[in-house]
PDB file of N, CA and C in Angstrom:
ATOM      1  N   MET A   1      27.630   5.462  13.078  1.00  0.00           N
ATOM      2  CA  MET A   1      26.284   5.220  13.591  1.00  0.00           C
ATOM      3  C   MET A   1      26.391   4.852  15.076  1.00  0.00           C
ATOM      4  N   ASN A   2      25.604   5.506  15.898  1.00  0.00           N
ATOM      5  CA  ASN A   2      25.647   5.230  17.332  1.00  0.00           C
ATOM      6  C   ASN A   2      24.406   4.441  17.766  1.00  0.00           C
ATOM      7  N   TRP A   3      24.328   4.142  19.042  1.00  0.00           N
ATOM      8  CA  TRP A   3      23.219   3.330  19.558  1.00  0.00           C
ATOM      9  C   TRP A   3      21.884   4.015  19.346  1.00  0.00           C
ATOM     10  N   LEU A   4      21.877   5.340  19.404  1.00  0.00           N
ATOM     11  CA  LEU A   4      20.635   6.085  19.231  1.00  0.00           C
ATOM     12  C   LEU A   4      20.064   5.883  17.826  1.00  0.00           C
ATOM     13  N   ASP A   5      20.937   5.905  16.827  1.00  0.00           N
ATOM     14  CA  ASP A   5      20.487   5.656  15.459  1.00  0.00           C
ATOM     15  C   ASP A   5      19.943   4.241  15.309  1.00  0.00           C
ATOM     16  N   LEU A   6      20.566   3.290  15.974  1.00  0.00           N
ATOM     17  CA  LEU A   6      20.134   1.894  15.872  1.00  0.00           C
ATOM     18  C   LEU A   6      18.790   1.635  16.554  1.00  0.00           C
ATOM     19  N   LEU A   7      18.418   2.464  17.522  1.00  0.00           N
ATOM     20  CA  LEU A   7      17.158   2.286  18.242  1.00  0.00           C
ATOM     21  C   LEU A   7      15.947   2.525  17.342  1.00  0.00           C
ATOM     22  N   GLN A   8      16.130   3.267  16.263  1.00  0.00           N
ATOM     23  CA  GLN A   8      15.019   3.524  15.356  1.00  0.00           C
ATOM     24  C   GLN A   8      14.502   2.244  14.704  1.00  0.00           C
ATOM     25  N   TRP A   9      15.380   1.302  14.414  1.00  0.00           N
ATOM     26  CA  TRP A   9      14.966   0.076  13.722  1.00  0.00           C
ATOM     27  C   TRP A   9      14.073  -0.811  14.573  1.00  0.00           C
ATOM     28  N   PRO A  10      14.437  -1.112  15.819  1.00  0.00           N
ATOM     29  CA  PRO A  10      13.500  -1.886  16.640  1.00  0.00           C
ATOM     30  C   PRO A  10      12.182  -1.145  16.863  1.00  0.00           C
ATOM     31  N   ALA A  11      12.240   0.175  17.016  1.00  0.00           N
ATOM     32  CA  ALA A  11      11.008   0.951  17.200  1.00  0.00           C
ATOM     33  C   ALA A  11      10.110   0.828  15.977  1.00  0.00           C
ATOM     34  N   ALA A  12      10.702   0.922  14.801  1.00  0.00           N
ATOM     35  CA  ALA A  12       9.924   0.801  13.570  1.00  0.00           C
ATOM     36  C   ALA A  12       9.344  -0.606  13.419  1.00  0.00           C
ATOM     37  N   ILE A  13      10.129  -1.616  13.731  1.00  0.00           N
ATOM     38  CA  ILE A  13       9.660  -3.003  13.632  1.00  0.00           C
ATOM     39  C   ILE A  13       8.517  -3.252  14.616  1.00  0.00           C
ATOM     40  N   LEU A  14       8.650  -2.743  15.834  1.00  0.00           N
ATOM     41  CA  LEU A  14       7.576  -2.886  16.819  1.00  0.00           C
ATOM     42  C   LEU A  14       6.304  -2.174  16.360  1.00  0.00           C
ATOM     43  N   THR A  15       6.445  -1.020  15.730  1.00  0.00           N
ATOM     44  CA  THR A  15       5.284  -0.288  15.239  1.00  0.00           C
ATOM     45  C   THR A  15       4.544  -1.091  14.179  1.00  0.00           C
ATOM     46  N   VAL A  16       5.289  -1.646  13.229  1.00  0.00           N
ATOM     47  CA  VAL A  16       4.666  -2.438  12.161  1.00  0.00           C
ATOM     48  C   VAL A  16       4.040  -3.712  12.740  1.00  0.00           C
ATOM     49  N   ALA A  17       4.741  -4.381  13.642  1.00  0.00           N
ATOM     50  CA  ALA A  17       4.203  -5.601  14.250  1.00  0.00           C
ATOM     51  C   ALA A  17       2.945  -5.291  15.068  1.00  0.00           C
ATOM     52  N   GLY A  18       2.961  -4.203  15.804  1.00  0.00           N
ATOM     53  CA  GLY A  18       1.787  -3.815  16.573  1.00  0.00           C
ATOM     54  C   GLY A  18       0.592  -3.553  15.672  1.00  0.00           C
ATOM     55  N   ALA A  19       0.816  -2.848  14.572  1.00  0.00           N
ATOM     56  CA  ALA A  19      -0.266  -2.580  13.627  1.00  0.00           C
ATOM     57  C   ALA A  19      -0.793  -3.881  13.021  1.00  0.00           C
ATOM     58  N   TRP A  20       0.093  -4.811  12.732  1.00  0.00           N
ATOM     59  CA  TRP A  20      -0.303  -6.103  12.165  1.00  0.00           C
ATOM     60  C   TRP A  20      -1.231  -6.857  13.121  1.00  0.00           C
ATOM     61  N   PHE A  21      -0.824  -6.951  14.363  1.00  0.00           N
ATOM     62  CA  PHE A  21      -1.608  -7.704  15.330  1.00  0.00           C
ATOM     63  C   PHE A  21      -2.905  -6.993  15.723  1.00  0.00           C
ATOM     64  N   VAL A  22      -2.894  -5.679  15.794  1.00  0.00           N
ATOM     65  CA  VAL A  22      -4.108  -4.935  16.137  1.00  0.00           C
ATOM     66  C   VAL A  22      -5.186  -5.165  15.072  1.00  0.00           C
ATOM     67  N   GLY A  23      -4.777  -5.403  13.850  1.00  0.00           N
ATOM     68  CA  GLY A  23      -5.724  -5.638  12.768  1.00  0.00           C
ATOM     69  C   GLY A  23      -6.260  -7.058  12.698  1.00  0.00           C
ATOM     70  N   SER A  24      -5.909  -7.912  13.632  1.00  0.00           N
ATOM     71  CA  SER A  24      -6.337  -9.308  13.621  1.00  0.00           C
ATOM     72  C   SER A  24      -7.811  -9.454  14.002  1.00  0.00           C
ATOM     73  N   LYS A  25      -8.410 -10.530  13.539  1.00  0.00           N
ATOM     74  CA  LYS A  25      -9.791 -10.843  13.934  1.00  0.00           C
ATOM     75  C   LYS A  25      -9.842 -11.519  15.303  1.00  0.00           C
ATOM     76  N   ARG A  26      -8.732 -12.057  15.758  1.00  0.00           N
ATOM     77  CA  ARG A  26      -8.672 -12.740  17.056  1.00  0.00           C
ATOM     78  C   ARG A  26      -8.396 -11.742  18.182  1.00  0.00           C
ATOM     79  N   ALA A  27      -9.205 -11.841  19.228  1.00  0.00           N
ATOM     80  CA  ALA A  27      -9.078 -10.910  20.357  1.00  0.00           C
ATOM     81  C   ALA A  27      -7.700 -10.997  21.017  1.00  0.00           C
ATOM     82  N   GLY A  28      -7.163 -12.207  21.163  1.00  0.00           N
ATOM     83  CA  GLY A  28      -5.856 -12.369  21.789  1.00  0.00           C
ATOM     84  C   GLY A  28      -4.746 -11.684  21.014  1.00  0.00           C
ATOM     85  N   ARG A  29      -4.819 -11.777  19.703  1.00  0.00           N
ATOM     86  CA  ARG A  29      -3.805 -11.107  18.869  1.00  0.00           C
ATOM     87  C   ARG A  29      -3.977  -9.593  18.910  1.00  0.00           C
ATOM     88  N   ARG A  30      -5.218  -9.135  18.989  1.00  0.00           N
ATOM     89  CA  ARG A  30      -5.423  -7.690  19.116  1.00  0.00           C
ATOM     90  C   ARG A  30      -4.850  -7.175  20.428  1.00  0.00           C
ATOM     91  N   ARG A  31      -5.031  -7.947  21.513  1.00  0.00           N
ATOM     92  CA  ARG A  31      -4.432  -7.542  22.804  1.00  0.00           C
ATOM     93  C   ARG A  31      -2.914  -7.538  22.705  1.00  0.00           C
ATOM     94  N   LEU A  32      -2.352  -8.547  22.045  1.00  0.00           N
ATOM     95  CA  LEU A  32      -0.901  -8.574  21.836  1.00  0.00           C
ATOM     96  C   LEU A  32      -0.468  -7.335  21.063  1.00  0.00           C
ATOM     97  N   GLY A  33      -1.210  -7.003  20.020  1.00  0.00           N
ATOM     98  CA  GLY A  33      -0.897  -5.811  19.229  1.00  0.00           C
ATOM     99  C   GLY A  33      -0.934  -4.547  20.053  1.00  0.00           C
ATOM    100  N   PHE A  34      -1.888  -4.474  20.962  1.00  0.00           N
ATOM    101  CA  PHE A  34      -1.979  -3.323  21.862  1.00  0.00           C
ATOM    102  C   PHE A  34      -0.682  -3.150  22.641  1.00  0.00           C
ATOM    103  N   TRP A  35      -0.208  -4.248  23.248  1.00  0.00           N
ATOM    104  CA  TRP A  35       1.010  -4.169  24.068  1.00  0.00           C
ATOM    105  C   TRP A  35       2.254  -3.952  23.216  1.00  0.00           C
ATOM    106  N   VAL A  36       2.303  -4.540  22.035  1.00  0.00           N
ATOM    107  CA  VAL A  36       3.446  -4.320  21.134  1.00  0.00           C
ATOM    108  C   VAL A  36       3.455  -2.861  20.689  1.00  0.00           C
ATOM    109  N   TYR A  37       2.275  -2.338  20.367  1.00  0.00           N
ATOM    110  CA  TYR A  37       2.181  -0.934  19.978  1.00  0.00           C
ATOM    111  C   TYR A  37       2.648  -0.019  21.107  1.00  0.00           C
ATOM    112  N   LEU A  38       2.225  -0.298  22.337  1.00  0.00           N
ATOM    113  CA  LEU A  38       2.688   0.521  23.460  1.00  0.00           C
ATOM    114  C   LEU A  38       4.200   0.431  23.642  1.00  0.00           C
ATOM    115  N   SER A  39       4.757  -0.758  23.421  1.00  0.00           N
ATOM    116  CA  SER A  39       6.216  -0.880  23.521  1.00  0.00           C
ATOM    117  C   SER A  39       6.901  -0.079  22.410  1.00  0.00           C
ATOM    118  N   SER A  40       6.279   0.001  21.245  1.00  0.00           N
ATOM    119  CA  SER A  40       6.856   0.818  20.176  1.00  0.00           C
ATOM    120  C   SER A  40       6.805   2.295  20.550  1.00  0.00           C
ATOM    121  N   ASN A  41       5.711   2.705  21.208  1.00  0.00           N
ATOM    122  CA  ASN A  41       5.637   4.094  21.672  1.00  0.00           C
ATOM    123  C   ASN A  41       6.777   4.405  22.632  1.00  0.00           C
ATOM    124  N   LEU A  42       7.040   3.484  23.554  1.00  0.00           N
ATOM    125  CA  LEU A  42       8.147   3.682  24.501  1.00  0.00           C
ATOM    126  C   LEU A  42       9.497   3.726  23.786  1.00  0.00           C
ATOM    127  N   ALA A  43       9.671   2.864  22.801  1.00  0.00           N
ATOM    128  CA  ALA A  43      10.930   2.839  22.049  1.00  0.00           C
ATOM    129  C   ALA A  43      11.140   4.150  21.295  1.00  0.00           C
ATOM    130  N   TRP A  44      10.076   4.674  20.689  1.00  0.00           N
ATOM    131  CA  TRP A  44      10.205   5.945  19.982  1.00  0.00           C
ATOM    132  C   TRP A  44      10.493   7.092  20.941  1.00  0.00           C
ATOM    133  N   VAL A  45       9.897   7.059  22.123  1.00  0.00           N
ATOM    134  CA  VAL A  45      10.185   8.098  23.118  1.00  0.00           C
ATOM    135  C   VAL A  45      11.636   7.975  23.574  1.00  0.00           C
ATOM    136  N   ALA A  46      12.103   6.741  23.780  1.00  0.00           N
ATOM    137  CA  ALA A  46      13.502   6.530  24.181  1.00  0.00           C
ATOM    138  C   ALA A  46      14.461   7.040  23.111  1.00  0.00           C
ATOM    139  N   TRP A  47      14.058   6.967  21.865  1.00  0.00           N
ATOM    140  CA  TRP A  47      14.876   7.518  20.785  1.00  0.00           C
ATOM    141  C   TRP A  47      14.707   9.034  20.705  1.00  0.00           C
ATOM    142  N   GLY A  48      13.476   9.515  20.840  1.00  0.00           N
ATOM    143  CA  GLY A  48      13.184  10.913  20.585  1.00  0.00           C
ATOM    144  C   GLY A  48      13.720  11.887  21.605  1.00  0.00           C
ATOM    145  N   VAL A  49      13.756  11.497  22.868  1.00  0.00           N
ATOM    146  CA  VAL A  49      14.225  12.429  23.901  1.00  0.00           C
ATOM    147  C   VAL A  49      15.704  12.775  23.702  1.00  0.00           C
ATOM    148  N   PRO A  50      16.622  11.780  23.618  1.00  0.00           N
ATOM    149  CA  PRO A  50      18.024  12.166  23.412  1.00  0.00           C
ATOM    150  C   PRO A  50      18.285  12.798  22.047  1.00  0.00           C
ATOM    151  N   ALA A  51      17.447  12.485  21.063  1.00  0.00           N
ATOM    152  CA  ALA A  51      17.618  13.060  19.724  1.00  0.00           C
ATOM    153  C   ALA A  51      16.983  14.446  19.624  1.00  0.00           C
ATOM    154  N   ALA A  52      16.353  14.901  20.687  1.00  0.00           N
ATOM    155  CA  ALA A  52      15.658  16.191  20.726  1.00  0.00           C
ATOM    156  C   ALA A  52      14.570  16.257  19.655  1.00  0.00           C
ATOM    157  N   ALA A  53      13.938  15.118  19.385  1.00  0.00           N
ATOM    158  CA  ALA A  53      12.832  15.040  18.425  1.00  0.00           C
ATOM    159  C   ALA A  53      11.525  15.118  19.211  1.00  0.00           C
ATOM    160  N   TYR A  54      11.253  16.293  19.728  1.00  0.00           N
ATOM    161  CA  TYR A  54      10.140  16.458  20.654  1.00  0.00           C
ATOM    162  C   TYR A  54       8.775  16.296  19.984  1.00  0.00           C
ATOM    163  N   ALA A  55       8.685  16.576  18.701  1.00  0.00           N
ATOM    164  CA  ALA A  55       7.431  16.339  17.991  1.00  0.00           C
ATOM    165  C   ALA A  55       7.138  14.836  17.931  1.00  0.00           C
ATOM    166  N   VAL A  56       8.168  14.030  17.738  1.00  0.00           N
ATOM    167  CA  VAL A  56       7.991  12.573  17.724  1.00  0.00           C
ATOM    168  C   VAL A  56       7.577  12.094  19.109  1.00  0.00           C
ATOM    169  N   VAL A  57       8.191  12.626  20.138  1.00  0.00           N
ATOM    170  CA  VAL A  57       7.840  12.247  21.511  1.00  0.00           C
ATOM    171  C   VAL A  57       6.382  12.603  21.791  1.00  0.00           C
ATOM    172  N   ALA A  58       5.974  13.814  21.452  1.00  0.00           N
ATOM    173  CA  ALA A  58       4.583  14.224  21.670  1.00  0.00           C
ATOM    174  C   ALA A  58       3.627  13.340  20.869  1.00  0.00           C
ATOM    175  N   LEU A  59       3.977  13.050  19.632  1.00  0.00           N
ATOM    176  CA  LEU A  59       3.147  12.179  18.804  1.00  0.00           C
ATOM    177  C   LEU A  59       2.974  10.815  19.447  1.00  0.00           C
ATOM    178  N   GLN A  60       4.044  10.245  19.979  1.00  0.00           N
ATOM    179  CA  GLN A  60       3.974   8.921  20.586  1.00  0.00           C
ATOM    180  C   GLN A  60       3.113   8.926  21.849  1.00  0.00           C
ATOM    181  N   VAL A  61       3.178   9.998  22.612  1.00  0.00           N
ATOM    182  CA  VAL A  61       2.332  10.109  23.803  1.00  0.00           C
ATOM    183  C   VAL A  61       0.863  10.136  23.397  1.00  0.00           C
ATOM    184  N   PHE A  62       0.535  10.928  22.376  1.00  0.00           N
ATOM    185  CA  PHE A  62      -0.857  11.005  21.924  1.00  0.00           C
ATOM    186  C   PHE A  62      -1.312   9.695  21.281  1.00  0.00           C
ATOM    187  N   LEU A  63      -0.438   9.042  20.502  1.00  0.00           N
ATOM    188  CA  LEU A  63      -0.804   7.763  19.900  1.00  0.00           C
ATOM    189  C   LEU A  63      -1.026   6.687  20.967  1.00  0.00           C
ATOM    190  N   ALA A  64      -0.204   6.699  22.004  1.00  0.00           N
ATOM    191  CA  ALA A  64      -0.398   5.740  23.097  1.00  0.00           C
ATOM    192  C   ALA A  64      -1.743   5.991  23.784  1.00  0.00           C
ATOM    193  N   ALA A  65      -2.073   7.257  24.010  1.00  0.00           N
ATOM    194  CA  ALA A  65      -3.356   7.585  24.634  1.00  0.00           C
ATOM    195  C   ALA A  65      -4.521   7.139  23.748  1.00  0.00           C
ATOM    196  N   LEU A  66      -4.406   7.348  22.452  1.00  0.00           N
ATOM    197  CA  LEU A  66      -5.455   6.897  21.537  1.00  0.00           C
ATOM    198  C   LEU A  66      -5.561   5.378  21.515  1.00  0.00           C
ATOM    199  N   ASN A  67      -4.439   4.716  21.609  1.00  0.00           N
ATOM    200  CA  ASN A  67      -4.429   3.251  21.627  1.00  0.00           C
ATOM    201  C   ASN A  67      -5.147   2.733  22.885  1.00  0.00           C
ATOM    202  N   VAL A  68      -4.850   3.335  24.016  1.00  0.00           N
ATOM    203  CA  VAL A  68      -5.517   2.946  25.264  1.00  0.00           C
ATOM    204  C   VAL A  68      -7.013   3.244  25.159  1.00  0.00           C
ATOM    205  N   ARG A  69      -7.369   4.409  24.655  1.00  0.00           N
ATOM    206  CA  ARG A  69      -8.781   4.771  24.489  1.00  0.00           C
ATOM    207  C   ARG A  69      -9.494   3.766  23.588  1.00  0.00           C
ATOM    208  N   GLY A  70      -8.878   3.411  22.480  1.00  0.00           N
ATOM    209  CA  GLY A  70      -9.484   2.450  21.558  1.00  0.00           C
ATOM    210  C   GLY A  70      -9.678   1.090  22.193  1.00  0.00           C
ATOM    211  N   MET A  71      -8.705   0.640  22.951  1.00  0.00           N
ATOM    212  CA  MET A  71      -8.816  -0.669  23.596  1.00  0.00           C
ATOM    213  C   MET A  71      -9.925  -0.655  24.643  1.00  0.00           C
ATOM    214  N   VAL A  72     -10.016   0.408  25.417  1.00  0.00           N
ATOM    215  CA  VAL A  72     -11.047   0.498  26.451  1.00  0.00           C
ATOM    216  C   VAL A  72     -12.439   0.573  25.824  1.00  0.00           C
ATOM    217  N   LYS A  73     -12.579   1.343  24.749  1.00  0.00           N
ATOM    218  CA  LYS A  73     -13.883   1.457  24.101  1.00  0.00           C
ATOM    219  C   LYS A  73     -14.288   0.148  23.426  1.00  0.00           C
ATOM    220  N   ALA A  74     -13.323  -0.561  22.851  1.00  0.00           N
ATOM    221  CA  ALA A  74     -13.627  -1.811  22.158  1.00  0.00           C
ATOM    222  C   ALA A  74     -13.934  -2.939  23.131  1.00  0.00           C
ATOM    223  N   ASP A  75     -13.204  -2.965  24.231  1.00  0.00           N
ATOM    224  CA  ASP A  75     -13.373  -4.048  25.209  1.00  0.00           C
ATOM    225  C   ASP A  75     -12.994  -3.499  26.585  1.00  0.00           C
ATOM    226  N   PRO A  76     -13.958  -2.997  27.343  1.00  0.00           N
ATOM    227  CA  PRO A  76     -13.655  -2.345  28.629  1.00  0.00           C
ATOM    228  C   PRO A  76     -12.890  -3.207  29.616  1.00  0.00           C
ATOM    229  N   ASP A  77     -13.001  -4.536  29.520  1.00  0.00           N
ATOM    230  CA  ASP A  77     -12.300  -5.413  30.442  1.00  0.00           C
ATOM    231  C   ASP A  77     -10.937  -5.870  29.917  1.00  0.00           C
ATOM    232  N   ALA A  78     -10.567  -5.451  28.721  1.00  0.00           N
ATOM    233  CA  ALA A  78      -9.364  -5.980  28.066  1.00  0.00           C
ATOM    234  C   ALA A  78      -8.085  -5.686  28.843  1.00  0.00           C
ATOM    235  N   LEU A  79      -7.979  -4.530  29.455  1.00  0.00           N
ATOM    236  CA  LEU A  79      -6.749  -4.162  30.132  1.00  0.00           C
ATOM    237  C   LEU A  79      -6.545  -4.901  31.438  1.00  0.00           C
ATOM    238  N   SER A  80      -7.625  -5.408  32.014  1.00  0.00           N
ATOM    239  CA  SER A  80      -7.484  -6.120  33.281  1.00  0.00           C
ATOM    240  C   SER A  80      -7.453  -7.628  33.099  1.00  0.00           C
ATOM    241  N   ARG A  81      -7.731  -8.105  31.901  1.00  0.00           N
ATOM    242  CA  ARG A  81      -7.798  -9.536  31.609  1.00  0.00           C
ATOM    243  C   ARG A  81      -6.402 -10.077  31.276  1.00  0.00           C
ATOM    244  N   GLU A  82      -6.120 -11.269  31.741  1.00  0.00           N
ATOM    245  CA  GLU A  82      -4.870 -11.942  31.403  1.00  0.00           C
ATOM    246  C   GLU A  82      -4.965 -12.508  30.000  1.00  0.00           C
ATOM    247  N   THR A  83      -3.835 -12.507  29.266  1.00  0.00           N
ATOM    248  CA  THR A  83      -3.831 -13.063  27.906  1.00  0.00           C
ATOM    249  C   THR A  83      -3.537 -14.524  27.911  1.00  0.00           C
TER     250      THR A  83
END
């Protein structure tokens, strides 16, 4: 097992944690979930490019865009506000 294989686990954990926090009733936790989710997207891209998993990379780009769109539609000032 090489480092590339090991990168999948933190990416998966970040994805689950991001989903958990995004589902919170508290605005601060939802913002945290947004950033954790974006970090999971980056982790999956970091895994997908060297693994030549281009469908995963494309999926993560689109999911990140949807995440940003959802945050802006839900709270237009959320991205500029400090947590």
